[in-house]
Each structure stands twice: as C-alpha cells, then as structure tokens.
PDB file of N, CA and C in Angstrom:
ATOM      1  N   GLU A   1     -18.055  13.603  11.994  1.00  0.00           N
ATOM      2  CA  GLU A   1     -17.123  13.728  10.883  1.00  0.00           C
ATOM      3  C   GLU A   1     -15.833  12.997  11.242  1.00  0.00           C
ATOM      4  N   LEU A   2     -15.356  12.199  10.302  1.00  0.00           N
ATOM      5  CA  LEU A   2     -14.134  11.426  10.529  1.00  0.00           C
ATOM      6  C   LEU A   2     -12.867  12.232  10.277  1.00  0.00           C
ATOM      7  N   GLY A   3     -12.945  13.259   9.467  1.00  0.00           N
ATOM      8  CA  GLY A   3     -11.751  14.039   9.159  1.00  0.00           C
ATOM      9  C   GLY A   3     -10.778  13.297   8.264  1.00  0.00           C
ATOM     10  N   ILE A   4     -11.289  12.385   7.461  1.00  0.00           N
ATOM     11  CA  ILE A   4     -10.438  11.596   6.565  1.00  0.00           C
ATOM     12  C   ILE A   4     -10.355  12.304   5.218  1.00  0.00           C
ATOM     13  N   HIS A   5      -9.147  12.612   4.794  1.00  0.00           N
ATOM     14  CA  HIS A   5      -8.933  13.301   3.523  1.00  0.00           C
ATOM     15  C   HIS A   5      -7.745  12.676   2.798  1.00  0.00           C
ATOM     16  N   ASP A   6      -7.735  12.790   1.509  1.00  0.00           N
ATOM     17  CA  ASP A   6      -6.600  12.336   0.695  1.00  0.00           C
ATOM     18  C   ASP A   6      -6.197  10.894   0.997  1.00  0.00           C
ATOM     19  N   MET A   7      -7.177  10.008   1.000  1.00  0.00           N
ATOM     20  CA  MET A   7      -6.888   8.612   1.322  1.00  0.00           C
ATOM     21  C   MET A   7      -6.228   7.854   0.169  1.00  0.00           C
ATOM     22  N   SER A   8      -6.330   8.349  -1.034  1.00  0.00           N
ATOM     23  CA  SER A   8      -5.630   7.704  -2.145  1.00  0.00           C
ATOM     24  C   SER A   8      -5.239   8.760  -3.167  1.00  0.00           C
ATOM     25  N   GLY A   9      -4.209   8.460  -3.915  1.00  0.00           N
ATOM     26  CA  GLY A   9      -3.780   9.354  -4.977  1.00  0.00           C
ATOM     27  C   GLY A   9      -2.694  10.332  -4.593  1.00  0.00           C
ATOM     28  N   ASN A  10      -2.297  10.343  -3.347  1.00  0.00           N
ATOM     29  CA  ASN A  10      -1.225  11.234  -2.920  1.00  0.00           C
ATOM     30  C   ASN A  10       0.120  10.573  -3.240  1.00  0.00           C
ATOM     31  N   VAL A  11       0.458   9.536  -2.510  1.00  0.00           N
ATOM     32  CA  VAL A  11       1.670   8.749  -2.777  1.00  0.00           C
ATOM     33  C   VAL A  11       1.333   7.266  -2.631  1.00  0.00           C
ATOM     34  N   TRP A  12       2.131   6.413  -3.268  1.00  0.00           N
ATOM     35  CA  TRP A  12       2.052   4.985  -2.979  1.00  0.00           C
ATOM     36  C   TRP A  12       2.392   4.833  -1.506  1.00  0.00           C
ATOM     37  N   GLU A  13       1.713   3.946  -0.800  1.00  0.00           N
ATOM     38  CA  GLU A  13       1.954   3.773   0.634  1.00  0.00           C
ATOM     39  C   GLU A  13       2.533   2.397   0.921  1.00  0.00           C
ATOM     40  N   TRP A  14       3.630   2.385   1.710  1.00  0.00           N
ATOM     41  CA  TRP A  14       4.211   1.126   2.143  1.00  0.00           C
ATOM     42  C   TRP A  14       3.243   0.424   3.082  1.00  0.00           C
ATOM     43  N   ILE A  15       3.146  -0.890   2.965  1.00  0.00           N
ATOM     44  CA  ILE A  15       2.336  -1.737   3.833  1.00  0.00           C
ATOM     45  C   ILE A  15       3.291  -2.730   4.488  1.00  0.00           C
ATOM     46  N   SER A  16       2.964  -3.217   5.694  1.00  0.00           N
ATOM     47  CA  SER A  16       3.894  -4.081   6.428  1.00  0.00           C
ATOM     48  C   SER A  16       4.047  -5.482   5.846  1.00  0.00           C
ATOM     49  N   ASP A  17       3.186  -5.896   4.928  1.00  0.00           N
ATOM     50  CA  ASP A  17       3.265  -7.241   4.352  1.00  0.00           C
ATOM     51  C   ASP A  17       4.478  -7.416   3.442  1.00  0.00           C
ATOM     52  N   TYR A  18       5.005  -8.643   3.447  1.00  0.00           N
ATOM     53  CA  TYR A  18       5.957  -9.038   2.418  1.00  0.00           C
ATOM     54  C   TYR A  18       5.154  -9.335   1.165  1.00  0.00           C
ATOM     55  N   HIS A  19       5.729  -9.104   0.000  1.00  0.00           N
ATOM     56  CA  HIS A  19       4.988  -9.303  -1.245  1.00  0.00           C
ATOM     57  C   HIS A  19       5.072 -10.743  -1.722  1.00  0.00           C
ATOM     58  N   THR A  20       3.951 -11.274  -2.121  1.00  0.00           N
ATOM     59  CA  THR A  20       3.849 -12.552  -2.804  1.00  0.00           C
ATOM     60  C   THR A  20       2.495 -12.571  -3.498  1.00  0.00           C
ATOM     61  N   ASP A  21       2.314 -13.443  -4.450  1.00  0.00           N
ATOM     62  CA  ASP A  21       0.996 -13.595  -5.058  1.00  0.00           C
ATOM     63  C   ASP A  21       0.130 -14.362  -4.073  1.00  0.00           C
ATOM     64  N   TYR A  22      -1.005 -13.790  -3.690  1.00  0.00           N
ATOM     65  CA  TYR A  22      -1.843 -14.483  -2.707  1.00  0.00           C
ATOM     66  C   TYR A  22      -3.253 -14.726  -3.213  1.00  0.00           C
ATOM     67  N   TYR A  23      -3.363 -15.139  -4.442  1.00  0.00           N
ATOM     68  CA  TYR A  23      -4.669 -15.392  -5.042  1.00  0.00           C
ATOM     69  C   TYR A  23      -5.440 -16.501  -4.338  1.00  0.00           C
ATOM     70  N   SER A  24      -4.750 -17.457  -3.748  1.00  0.00           N
ATOM     71  CA  SER A  24      -5.440 -18.571  -3.099  1.00  0.00           C
ATOM     72  C   SER A  24      -5.561 -18.397  -1.589  1.00  0.00           C
ATOM     73  N   SER A  25      -5.178 -17.248  -1.051  1.00  0.00           N
ATOM     74  CA  SER A  25      -5.247 -17.043   0.394  1.00  0.00           C
ATOM     75  C   SER A  25      -6.583 -16.428   0.803  1.00  0.00           C
ATOM     76  N   GLU A  26      -6.722 -16.143   2.083  1.00  0.00           N
ATOM     77  CA  GLU A  26      -7.957 -15.573   2.612  1.00  0.00           C
ATOM     78  C   GLU A  26      -8.309 -14.270   1.907  1.00  0.00           C
ATOM     79  N   GLU A  27      -9.592 -14.036   1.717  1.00  0.00           N
ATOM     80  CA  GLU A  27     -10.030 -12.801   1.073  1.00  0.00           C
ATOM     81  C   GLU A  27     -10.002 -11.624   2.032  1.00  0.00           C
ATOM     82  N   THR A  28     -10.216 -11.875   3.318  1.00  0.00           N
ATOM     83  CA  THR A  28     -10.240 -10.805   4.308  1.00  0.00           C
ATOM     84  C   THR A  28      -8.868 -10.675   4.951  1.00  0.00           C
ATOM     85  N   ASN A  29      -8.238  -9.533   4.767  1.00  0.00           N
ATOM     86  CA  ASN A  29      -6.940  -9.217   5.362  1.00  0.00           C
ATOM     87  C   ASN A  29      -5.896 -10.308   5.165  1.00  0.00           C
ATOM     88  N   PRO A  30      -5.560 -10.660   3.934  1.00  0.00           N
ATOM     89  CA  PRO A  30      -4.529 -11.680   3.720  1.00  0.00           C
ATOM     90  C   PRO A  30      -3.160 -11.129   4.091  1.00  0.00           C
ATOM     91  N   TYR A  31      -2.541 -11.696   5.102  1.00  0.00           N
ATOM     92  CA  TYR A  31      -1.234 -11.236   5.555  1.00  0.00           C
ATOM     93  C   TYR A  31      -0.193 -12.273   5.174  1.00  0.00           C
ATOM     94  N   VAL A  32       0.867 -11.837   4.555  1.00  0.00           N
ATOM     95  CA  VAL A  32       1.945 -12.732   4.137  1.00  0.00           C
ATOM     96  C   VAL A  32       3.071 -12.610   5.148  1.00  0.00           C
ATOM     97  N   SER A  33       3.332 -13.687   5.883  1.00  0.00           N
ATOM     98  CA  SER A  33       4.366 -13.630   6.912  1.00  0.00           C
ATOM     99  C   SER A  33       5.692 -14.221   6.448  1.00  0.00           C
ATOM    100  N   SER A  34       5.697 -14.929   5.326  1.00  0.00           N
ATOM    101  CA  SER A  34       6.946 -15.504   4.836  1.00  0.00           C
ATOM    102  C   SER A  34       7.819 -14.413   4.215  1.00  0.00           C
ATOM    103  N   PHE A  35       9.107 -14.581   4.331  1.00  0.00           N
ATOM    104  CA  PHE A  35      10.046 -13.556   3.882  1.00  0.00           C
ATOM    105  C   PHE A  35      10.088 -13.446   2.365  1.00  0.00           C
ATOM    106  N   SER A  36      10.185 -12.233   1.903  1.00  0.00           N
ATOM    107  CA  SER A  36      10.396 -11.913   0.499  1.00  0.00           C
ATOM    108  C   SER A  36      11.259 -10.660   0.475  1.00  0.00           C
ATOM    109  N   ALA A  37      12.027 -10.479  -0.557  1.00  0.00           N
ATOM    110  CA  ALA A  37      12.838  -9.262  -0.663  1.00  0.00           C
ATOM    111  C   ALA A  37      11.953  -8.038  -0.880  1.00  0.00           C
ATOM    112  N   TYR A  38      10.750  -8.256  -1.402  1.00  0.00           N
ATOM    113  CA  TYR A  38       9.849  -7.151  -1.730  1.00  0.00           C
ATOM    114  C   TYR A  38       8.798  -6.932  -0.652  1.00  0.00           C
ATOM    115  N   ARG A  39       8.415  -5.663  -0.486  1.00  0.00           N
ATOM    116  CA  ARG A  39       7.309  -5.302   0.410  1.00  0.00           C
ATOM    117  C   ARG A  39       6.160  -4.769  -0.437  1.00  0.00           C
ATOM    118  N   VAL A  40       4.975  -4.753   0.147  1.00  0.00           N
ATOM    119  CA  VAL A  40       3.779  -4.297  -0.562  1.00  0.00           C
ATOM    120  C   VAL A  40       3.661  -2.780  -0.483  1.00  0.00           C
ATOM    121  N   LYS A  41       3.234  -2.179  -1.574  1.00  0.00           N
ATOM    122  CA  LYS A  41       2.839  -0.770  -1.582  1.00  0.00           C
ATOM    123  C   LYS A  41       1.471  -0.688  -2.240  1.00  0.00           C
ATOM    124  N   ARG A  42       0.646   0.245  -1.775  1.00  0.00           N
ATOM    125  CA  ARG A  42      -0.741   0.322  -2.232  1.00  0.00           C
ATOM    126  C   ARG A  42      -1.144   1.736  -2.595  1.00  0.00           C
ATOM    127  N   GLY A  43      -2.173   1.839  -3.434  1.00  0.00           N
ATOM    128  CA  GLY A  43      -2.899   3.079  -3.621  1.00  0.00           C
ATOM    129  C   GLY A  43      -2.653   3.876  -4.877  1.00  0.00           C
ATOM    130  N   GLY A  44      -1.469   3.870  -5.403  1.00  0.00           N
ATOM    131  CA  GLY A  44      -1.163   4.746  -6.532  1.00  0.00           C
ATOM    132  C   GLY A  44      -0.801   6.142  -6.058  1.00  0.00           C
ATOM    133  N   SER A  45      -0.379   6.987  -6.976  1.00  0.00           N
ATOM    134  CA  SER A  45       0.070   8.327  -6.589  1.00  0.00           C
ATOM    135  C   SER A  45      -0.361   9.371  -7.607  1.00  0.00           C
ATOM    136  N   TRP A  46       0.017  10.578  -7.338  1.00  0.00           N
ATOM    137  CA  TRP A  46      -0.313  11.723  -8.186  1.00  0.00           C
ATOM    138  C   TRP A  46       0.243  11.586  -9.592  1.00  0.00           C
ATOM    139  N   ILE A  47       1.269  10.778  -9.781  1.00  0.00           N
ATOM    140  CA  ILE A  47       1.893  10.648 -11.094  1.00  0.00           C
ATOM    141  C   ILE A  47       1.213   9.568 -11.956  1.00  0.00           C
ATOM    142  N   ASP A  48       0.381   8.718 -11.339  1.00  0.00           N
ATOM    143  CA  ASP A  48      -0.284   7.633 -12.057  1.00  0.00           C
ATOM    144  C   ASP A  48      -1.570   8.113 -12.728  1.00  0.00           C
ATOM    145  N   CYS A  49      -2.008   7.384 -13.759  1.00  0.00           N
ATOM    146  CA  CYS A  49      -3.282   7.737 -14.403  1.00  0.00           C
ATOM    147  C   CYS A  49      -4.429   7.425 -13.434  1.00  0.00           C
ATOM    148  N   PRO A  50      -5.534   8.168 -13.496  1.00  0.00           N
ATOM    149  CA  PRO A  50      -6.625   8.045 -12.524  1.00  0.00           C
ATOM    150  C   PRO A  50      -7.182   6.630 -12.336  1.00  0.00           C
ATOM    151  N   VAL A  51      -7.245   5.831 -13.388  1.00  0.00           N
ATOM    152  CA  VAL A  51      -7.782   4.474 -13.227  1.00  0.00           C
ATOM    153  C   VAL A  51      -6.859   3.581 -12.399  1.00  0.00           C
ATOM    154  N   GLY A  52      -5.607   3.968 -12.224  1.00  0.00           N
ATOM    155  CA  GLY A  52      -4.660   3.191 -11.434  1.00  0.00           C
ATOM    156  C   GLY A  52      -4.506   3.677 -10.013  1.00  0.00           C
ATOM    157  N   VAL A  53      -5.368   4.594  -9.587  1.00  0.00           N
ATOM    158  CA  VAL A  53      -5.278   5.151  -8.237  1.00  0.00           C
ATOM    159  C   VAL A  53      -6.499   4.705  -7.441  1.00  0.00           C
ATOM    160  N   SER A  54      -6.308   3.753  -6.551  1.00  0.00           N
ATOM    161  CA  SER A  54      -7.392   3.228  -5.724  1.00  0.00           C
ATOM    162  C   SER A  54      -6.789   2.474  -4.547  1.00  0.00           C
ATOM    163  N   VAL A  55      -7.520   2.383  -3.450  1.00  0.00           N
ATOM    164  CA  VAL A  55      -6.997   1.688  -2.277  1.00  0.00           C
ATOM    165  C   VAL A  55      -6.790   0.196  -2.515  1.00  0.00           C
ATOM    166  N   ASP A  56      -7.409  -0.368  -3.549  1.00  0.00           N
ATOM    167  CA  ASP A  56      -7.231  -1.792  -3.821  1.00  0.00           C
ATOM    168  C   ASP A  56      -6.103  -2.089  -4.809  1.00  0.00           C
ATOM    169  N   VAL A  57      -5.437  -1.067  -5.316  1.00  0.00           N
ATOM    170  CA  VAL A  57      -4.302  -1.258  -6.222  1.00  0.00           C
ATOM    171  C   VAL A  57      -3.087  -1.658  -5.387  1.00  0.00           C
ATOM    172  N   ARG A  58      -2.376  -2.707  -5.822  1.00  0.00           N
ATOM    173  CA  ARG A  58      -1.273  -3.268  -5.047  1.00  0.00           C
ATOM    174  C   ARG A  58      -0.079  -3.470  -5.959  1.00  0.00           C
ATOM    175  N   SER A  59       1.098  -3.162  -5.444  1.00  0.00           N
ATOM    176  CA  SER A  59       2.329  -3.349  -6.192  1.00  0.00           C
ATOM    177  C   SER A  59       3.412  -3.786  -5.215  1.00  0.00           C
ATOM    178  N   LYS A  60       4.641  -3.913  -5.700  1.00  0.00           N
ATOM    179  CA  LYS A  60       5.738  -4.310  -4.816  1.00  0.00           C
ATOM    180  C   LYS A  60       6.919  -3.386  -5.006  1.00  0.00           C
ATOM    181  N   GLY A  61       7.792  -3.356  -4.022  1.00  0.00           N
ATOM    182  CA  GLY A  61       9.004  -2.563  -4.105  1.00  0.00           C
ATOM    183  C   GLY A  61      10.011  -3.027  -3.074  1.00  0.00           C
ATOM    184  N   LEU A  62      11.256  -2.732  -3.325  1.00  0.00           N
ATOM    185  CA  LEU A  62      12.302  -3.044  -2.353  1.00  0.00           C
ATOM    186  C   LEU A  62      12.271  -2.004  -1.239  1.00  0.00           C
ATOM    187  N   PRO A  63      12.459  -2.402   0.022  1.00  0.00           N
ATOM    188  CA  PRO A  63      12.419  -1.450   1.131  1.00  0.00           C
ATOM    189  C   PRO A  63      13.435  -0.312   1.004  1.00  0.00           C
ATOM    190  N   SER A  64      14.495  -0.521   0.274  1.00  0.00           N
ATOM    191  CA  SER A  64      15.511   0.525   0.099  1.00  0.00           C
ATOM    192  C   SER A  64      15.143   1.519  -0.997  1.00  0.00           C
ATOM    193  N   HIS A  65      14.051   1.264  -1.699  1.00  0.00           N
ATOM    194  CA  HIS A  65      13.615   2.109  -2.811  1.00  0.00           C
ATOM    195  C   HIS A  65      13.094   3.445  -2.291  1.00  0.00           C
ATOM    196  N   ALA A  66      13.570   4.533  -2.843  1.00  0.00           N
ATOM    197  CA  ALA A  66      13.106   5.874  -2.457  1.00  0.00           C
ATOM    198  C   ALA A  66      12.793   6.672  -3.715  1.00  0.00           C
ATOM    199  N   ILE A  67      11.617   7.295  -3.733  1.00  0.00           N
ATOM    200  CA  ILE A  67      11.181   8.105  -4.869  1.00  0.00           C
ATOM    201  C   ILE A  67      10.129   9.093  -4.363  1.00  0.00           C
ATOM    202  N   THR A  68       9.906  10.160  -5.088  1.00  0.00           N
ATOM    203  CA  THR A  68       9.023  11.231  -4.615  1.00  0.00           C
ATOM    204  C   THR A  68       7.556  10.840  -4.500  1.00  0.00           C
ATOM    205  N   ASN A  69       7.126   9.770  -5.139  1.00  0.00           N
ATOM    206  CA  ASN A  69       5.713   9.388  -5.062  1.00  0.00           C
ATOM    207  C   ASN A  69       5.486   8.134  -4.217  1.00  0.00           C
ATOM    208  N   LEU A  70       6.342   7.907  -3.223  1.00  0.00           N
ATOM    209  CA  LEU A  70       6.252   6.748  -2.343  1.00  0.00           C
ATOM    210  C   LEU A  70       6.453   7.188  -0.904  1.00  0.00           C
ATOM    211  N   GLY A  71       5.557   6.782  -0.023  1.00  0.00           N
ATOM    212  CA  GLY A  71       5.660   7.188   1.378  1.00  0.00           C
ATOM    213  C   GLY A  71       4.935   6.220   2.292  1.00  0.00           C
ATOM    214  N   PHE A  72       4.497   6.712   3.442  1.00  0.00           N
ATOM    215  CA  PHE A  72       3.741   5.886   4.374  1.00  0.00           C
ATOM    216  C   PHE A  72       2.735   6.764   5.101  1.00  0.00           C
ATOM    217  N   ARG A  73       1.707   6.135   5.639  1.00  0.00           N
ATOM    218  CA  ARG A  73       0.658   6.853   6.361  1.00  0.00           C
ATOM    219  C   ARG A  73       0.851   6.624   7.853  1.00  0.00           C
ATOM    220  N   ILE A  74       0.890   7.683   8.608  1.00  0.00           N
ATOM    221  CA  ILE A  74       0.973   7.585  10.060  1.00  0.00           C
ATOM    222  C   ILE A  74      -0.444   7.452  10.597  1.00  0.00           C
ATOM    223  N   CYS A  75      -0.664   6.454  11.430  1.00  0.00           N
ATOM    224  CA  CYS A  75      -2.004   6.263  11.986  1.00  0.00           C
ATOM    225  C   CYS A  75      -1.897   5.730  13.406  1.00  0.00           C
ATOM    226  N   LYS A  76      -2.987   5.817  14.131  1.00  0.00           N
ATOM    227  CA  LYS A  76      -3.034   5.264  15.476  1.00  0.00           C
ATOM    228  C   LYS A  76      -4.432   4.722  15.723  1.00  0.00           C
ATOM    229  N   THR A  77      -4.557   3.899  16.722  1.00  0.00           N
ATOM    230  CA  THR A  77      -5.841   3.326  17.072  1.00  0.00           C
ATOM    231  C   THR A  77      -6.749   4.405  17.644  1.00  0.00           C
ATOM    232  N   ALA A  78      -7.995   4.434  17.178  1.00  0.00           N
ATOM    233  CA  ALA A  78      -8.961   5.412  17.691  1.00  0.00           C
ATOM    234  C   ALA A  78      -9.363   5.035  19.109  1.00  0.00           C
ATOM    235  N   LYS A  79      -9.575   6.045  19.940  1.00  0.00           N
ATOM    236  CA  LYS A  79      -9.981   5.788  21.334  1.00  0.00           C
ATOM    237  C   LYS A  79     -11.444   6.069  21.515  1.00  0.00           C
TER     238      LYS A  79
END
C-alpha cells in the first residue's frame, strides 16, 4: 500500500516551474527555466467544479498570491 490519499481536489498546488505556454516543448516533464513573473499551480481545489479538478489541470499565479484554496505538497524521495 502506498498510503497516497487526497492527491487532487484539496488545494491548488504550487509547482517549481515558471509559467509559460509550452505547447511546443517536450511532452514528458516539460520544465520552464526562463524567468516569468508567474509560477505554475496544478490540480484544482475544493472550491472548483469537479470537471476542473485533476492532476493535469494547470494554471498560473503570482508567488505573492495567498488564498485559502492554494498551498503546496510536502514530499521526499522514497528510500
């Protein structure tokens, strides 16, 4: 058992990527290293309609933005 629960639909999660449109970039793990004022957030939250809550849903936000449905996931490498 992995013990994985509530992987989507809790809060939007900050991602380390800078936001840009990357339609022409790699399909596997496209990482944007160029600077942008916006950062990526993923997943949707409890306040969104169910069709908008998925791990592949992507949006942008300013790093200074704070709201009750936005957070981050603490994780570590499995041993």
